[in-house]
Amino acid sequence: MAQEFAGVPSVAPRPVAELAPLLAWLRTGTGTDRRIDFPAGTALPDGRLDLCKQQLGPQGAQLVAEAVAESAQAAEGGETPVRHLLLGTDGLGDDGADAVAARTADTPVRTLYLGCNGITAAGACRIADRLRASPQTVRALWLKRNPLGIRAGQAAAELVAAAEQLRTLDLVQTGLDPAGLAALTDALLTGGRHFERLYLGGNPLGPAGAEPLARPEPNRWPG
């Protein structure tokens, strides 16, 4: 099962009724100057909405993403309460991740943390499609411990090509291999992108995996 990849446990979604207080707060579009703990999740003054390990499931994630979109529309002066959406280990799967990307694409969300959610390469490509059609606000995408498998490099390359403002990409324990890393490196170097952080730990790269990263193009790879 995809949910058990890299030791990630399966998730039984919580009743969506338990999300009601959080959803109601989000829809007001009002930020916070203090930590707010909800029955599911925590909102922080720096714009983080931490819903990691909250058993959202695809439906719960979609409801949260819809409320985040509503909060962006309701916010005054462009100051939205959520700029960093953290949804790790929530049993999203491809459908849940796609719903999140689709509904937050037109918001000022800068960080999407989707680690440990059973997302496949096909799901990552769906996220890329959503980002490609967005206003390009996402700067950090975390996909660690998702079963991207042998298509990890292709999917990651599509993400990089789709999200022009992306500066951080986490691919830890996703099944990325040397050939996939070569494809990803090509995408990173295309157009002289000023990429900043690429996380690759826990993948079967070996010495061959170091070769794409050692290309002698220092003027196009950030120091």
Protein backbone atom coordinates (compact mmCIF):
# COMPACT_ATOMS: atom_id res chain seq x y z
CA MET A 1 0.00 0.00 0.00
CA ALA A 2 1.23 3.49 -0.84
CA GLN A 3 0.43 4.71 2.64
CA GLU A 4 2.98 2.31 4.12
CA PHE A 5 5.86 3.47 1.94
CA ALA A 6 9.03 4.40 3.89
CA GLY A 7 7.41 3.39 7.16
CA VAL A 8 4.55 5.85 6.87
CA PRO A 9 1.47 4.41 8.63
CA SER A 10 -1.99 4.30 7.09
CA VAL A 11 -4.38 7.00 8.28
CA ALA A 12 -8.01 6.63 9.33
CA PRO A 13 -9.64 10.02 8.62
CA ARG A 14 -11.22 11.84 11.54
CA PRO A 15 -14.89 12.95 11.35
CA VAL A 16 -15.02 16.15 9.33
CA ALA A 17 -17.31 17.70 11.96
CA GLU A 18 -14.23 18.05 14.18
CA LEU A 19 -12.82 20.55 11.68
CA ALA A 20 -15.71 22.98 12.15
CA PRO A 21 -14.00 25.43 14.57
CA LEU A 22 -10.92 25.67 12.36
CA LEU A 23 -12.94 26.12 9.17
CA ALA A 24 -15.07 28.82 10.75
CA TRP A 25 -11.97 30.77 11.82
CA LEU A 26 -10.34 30.42 8.42
CA ARG A 27 -13.38 31.76 6.58
CA THR A 28 -13.20 35.03 8.52
CA GLY A 29 -9.89 35.85 6.85
CA THR A 30 -8.62 37.19 10.17
CA GLY A 31 -5.04 36.59 11.21
CA THR A 32 -3.76 35.98 14.72
CA ASP A 33 -1.07 37.47 16.96
CA ARG A 34 -0.99 34.39 19.17
CA ARG A 35 -1.07 30.62 18.91
CA ILE A 36 -4.57 29.18 18.45
CA ASP A 37 -5.12 25.48 19.10
CA PHE A 38 -8.18 23.93 17.48
CA PRO A 39 -9.57 20.41 18.02
CA ALA A 40 -7.65 19.69 14.80
CA GLY A 41 -4.62 21.80 13.99
CA THR A 42 -2.82 24.90 15.21
CA ALA A 43 -2.63 28.40 13.73
CA LEU A 44 0.50 30.45 14.43
CA PRO A 45 1.22 34.19 14.14
CA ASP A 46 3.87 33.66 11.44
CA GLY A 47 1.27 32.36 9.00
CA ARG A 48 1.73 28.64 9.63
CA LEU A 49 -1.31 26.39 9.78
CA ASP A 50 0.01 23.16 11.25
CA LEU A 51 -2.24 20.22 10.49
CA CYS A 52 0.40 17.50 10.43
CA LYS A 53 -0.75 14.14 11.79
CA GLN A 54 -4.31 15.37 12.20
CA GLN A 55 -5.93 12.52 10.23
CA LEU A 56 -7.57 14.79 7.68
CA GLY A 57 -7.91 12.32 4.82
CA PRO A 58 -8.74 13.58 1.30
CA GLN A 59 -12.12 15.06 2.24
CA GLY A 60 -10.84 16.91 5.28
CA ALA A 61 -7.89 18.28 3.32
CA GLN A 62 -10.22 19.54 0.61
CA LEU A 63 -12.40 21.31 3.17
CA VAL A 64 -9.36 22.96 4.74
CA ALA A 65 -8.02 24.05 1.36
CA GLU A 66 -11.39 25.51 0.39
CA ALA A 67 -11.49 27.46 3.66
CA VAL A 68 -7.94 28.72 3.09
CA ALA A 69 -9.05 30.00 -0.32
CA GLU A 70 -12.05 31.69 1.28
CA SER A 71 -9.79 33.26 3.90
CA ALA A 72 -7.64 34.78 1.17
CA GLN A 73 -10.72 36.34 -0.42
CA ALA A 74 -12.01 37.65 2.90
CA ALA A 75 -8.69 39.05 4.15
CA GLU A 76 -8.29 42.81 4.29
CA GLY A 77 -5.19 44.45 2.87
CA GLY A 78 -3.92 41.20 1.37
CA GLU A 79 -2.79 39.88 4.77
CA THR A 80 -4.06 36.31 4.80
CA PRO A 81 -3.90 34.16 7.95
CA VAL A 82 -2.27 31.21 6.15
CA ARG A 83 0.98 31.45 4.20
CA HIS A 84 2.47 28.08 5.15
CA LEU A 85 0.13 25.07 4.95
CA LEU A 86 1.50 21.98 6.72
CA LEU A 87 -0.35 18.73 5.96
CA GLY A 88 2.17 15.98 6.71
CA THR A 89 1.05 12.40 7.43
CA ASP A 90 -2.63 13.11 6.86
CA GLY A 91 -3.52 10.31 4.45
CA LEU A 92 -4.17 12.66 1.52
CA GLY A 93 -3.21 10.38 -1.37
CA ASP A 94 -3.16 11.73 -4.92
CA ASP A 95 -6.74 13.01 -4.82
CA GLY A 96 -6.31 14.90 -1.56
CA ALA A 97 -3.01 16.45 -2.65
CA ASP A 98 -4.54 17.51 -5.97
CA ALA A 99 -7.49 19.10 -4.18
CA VAL A 100 -5.16 21.05 -1.89
CA ALA A 101 -3.04 22.29 -4.79
CA ALA A 102 -6.12 23.21 -6.84
CA ARG A 103 -7.82 25.22 -4.11
CA THR A 104 -4.76 27.01 -2.74
CA ALA A 105 -3.22 27.81 -6.15
CA ASP A 106 -4.83 31.26 -6.25
CA THR A 107 -3.90 32.18 -2.67
CA PRO A 108 -0.73 33.67 -1.15
CA VAL A 109 0.30 30.27 0.29
CA ARG A 110 4.09 30.05 -0.04
CA THR A 111 4.76 26.67 1.55
CA LEU A 112 3.01 23.36 0.90
CA TYR A 113 4.18 20.61 3.23
CA LEU A 114 2.77 17.33 1.90
CA GLY A 115 5.23 14.79 3.26
CA CYS A 116 4.20 11.21 4.14
CA ASN A 117 0.85 11.21 2.35
CA GLY A 118 0.97 8.30 -0.09
CA ILE A 119 1.35 10.65 -3.07
CA THR A 120 2.57 8.93 -6.25
CA ALA A 121 4.41 10.38 -9.25
CA ALA A 122 1.06 10.78 -10.99
CA GLY A 123 -0.17 12.83 -8.05
CA ALA A 124 2.96 14.99 -8.12
CA CYS A 125 2.36 15.66 -11.82
CA ARG A 126 -1.19 16.73 -11.00
CA ILE A 127 0.22 19.16 -8.44
CA ALA A 128 2.55 20.49 -11.16
CA ASP A 129 -0.43 21.13 -13.43
CA ARG A 130 -2.15 23.10 -10.67
CA LEU A 131 0.95 25.18 -9.94
CA ARG A 132 1.52 25.85 -13.64
CA ALA A 133 -1.88 27.52 -13.85
CA SER A 134 -1.45 29.46 -10.60
CA PRO A 135 -0.20 33.01 -9.85
CA GLN A 136 3.15 31.42 -8.84
CA THR A 137 3.30 32.07 -5.10
CA VAL A 138 4.54 28.66 -3.89
CA ARG A 139 8.21 28.83 -2.99
CA ALA A 140 8.62 25.61 -0.98
CA LEU A 141 7.17 22.15 -1.66
CA TRP A 142 7.87 19.25 0.69
CA LEU A 143 7.19 15.73 -0.61
CA LYS A 144 9.36 13.56 1.62
CA ARG A 145 8.50 9.90 2.12
CA ASN A 146 5.91 9.80 -0.66
CA PRO A 147 6.11 6.83 -3.08
CA LEU A 148 7.03 8.69 -6.27
CA GLY A 149 9.15 5.70 -7.32
CA ILE A 150 10.91 5.34 -10.67
CA ARG A 151 9.08 8.39 -12.05
CA ALA A 152 10.25 10.59 -9.18
CA GLY A 153 12.74 12.51 -11.33
CA GLN A 154 10.26 13.14 -14.14
CA ALA A 155 7.60 14.30 -11.69
CA ALA A 156 10.06 16.54 -9.86
CA ALA A 157 11.27 18.04 -13.14
CA GLU A 158 7.66 18.87 -14.03
CA LEU A 159 7.19 20.54 -10.65
CA VAL A 160 10.30 22.66 -11.13
CA ALA A 161 9.25 23.66 -14.64
CA ALA A 162 5.71 24.47 -13.52
CA ALA A 163 6.47 26.58 -10.44
CA GLU A 164 8.78 29.39 -11.49
CA GLN A 165 9.06 30.82 -7.96
CA LEU A 166 9.87 27.45 -6.37
CA ARG A 167 13.08 27.69 -4.34
CA THR A 168 12.87 24.62 -2.06
CA LEU A 169 11.98 21.06 -3.05
CA ASP A 170 12.10 18.13 -0.64
CA LEU A 171 12.39 14.66 -2.22
CA VAL A 172 13.73 12.70 0.77
CA GLN A 173 12.89 8.98 0.56
CA THR A 174 10.77 9.23 -2.57
CA GLY A 175 12.52 6.55 -4.67
CA LEU A 176 14.53 9.03 -6.76
CA ASP A 177 17.27 7.26 -8.77
CA PRO A 178 20.34 8.63 -10.65
CA ALA A 179 18.52 8.84 -13.99
CA GLY A 180 15.68 10.72 -12.39
CA LEU A 181 18.09 13.08 -10.65
CA ALA A 182 19.75 13.81 -14.00
CA ALA A 183 16.36 14.81 -15.44
CA LEU A 184 15.65 16.96 -12.41
CA THR A 185 19.04 18.65 -12.66
CA ASP A 186 18.36 19.50 -16.30
CA ALA A 187 15.14 21.20 -15.23
CA LEU A 188 16.88 23.09 -12.43
CA LEU A 189 19.57 24.43 -14.76
CA THR A 190 17.21 25.43 -17.55
CA GLY A 191 16.94 29.18 -17.75
CA GLY A 192 19.42 29.79 -14.92
CA ARG A 193 16.88 29.26 -12.15
CA HIS A 194 18.00 30.57 -8.75
CA PHE A 195 17.10 27.44 -6.85
CA GLU A 196 18.13 27.36 -3.17
CA ARG A 197 17.39 24.04 -1.45
CA LEU A 198 17.07 20.48 -2.75
CA TYR A 199 16.70 17.65 -0.23
CA LEU A 200 17.61 14.20 -1.54
CA GLY A 201 18.44 12.03 1.48
CA GLY A 202 17.33 8.42 1.74
CA ASN A 203 17.22 7.76 -2.02
CA PRO A 204 19.12 5.01 -3.94
CA LEU A 205 21.47 7.44 -5.68
CA GLY A 206 24.95 6.07 -4.93
CA PRO A 207 28.09 7.56 -6.57
CA ALA A 208 26.25 7.89 -9.91
CA GLY A 209 23.81 10.24 -8.27
CA ALA A 210 26.57 12.72 -7.48
CA GLU A 211 27.45 13.25 -11.14
CA PRO A 212 24.47 15.40 -12.15
CA LEU A 213 24.98 17.61 -9.11
CA ALA A 214 28.67 18.15 -9.96
CA ARG A 215 28.15 19.66 -13.38
CA PRO A 216 30.65 22.51 -13.95
CA GLU A 217 28.13 25.30 -14.38
CA PRO A 218 28.74 27.43 -11.25
CA ASN A 219 27.24 30.53 -12.83
CA ARG A 220 23.89 28.75 -13.08
CA TRP A 221 23.86 26.81 -9.81
CA PRO A 222 23.54 28.77 -6.56
CA GLY A 223 26.59 28.73 -4.32
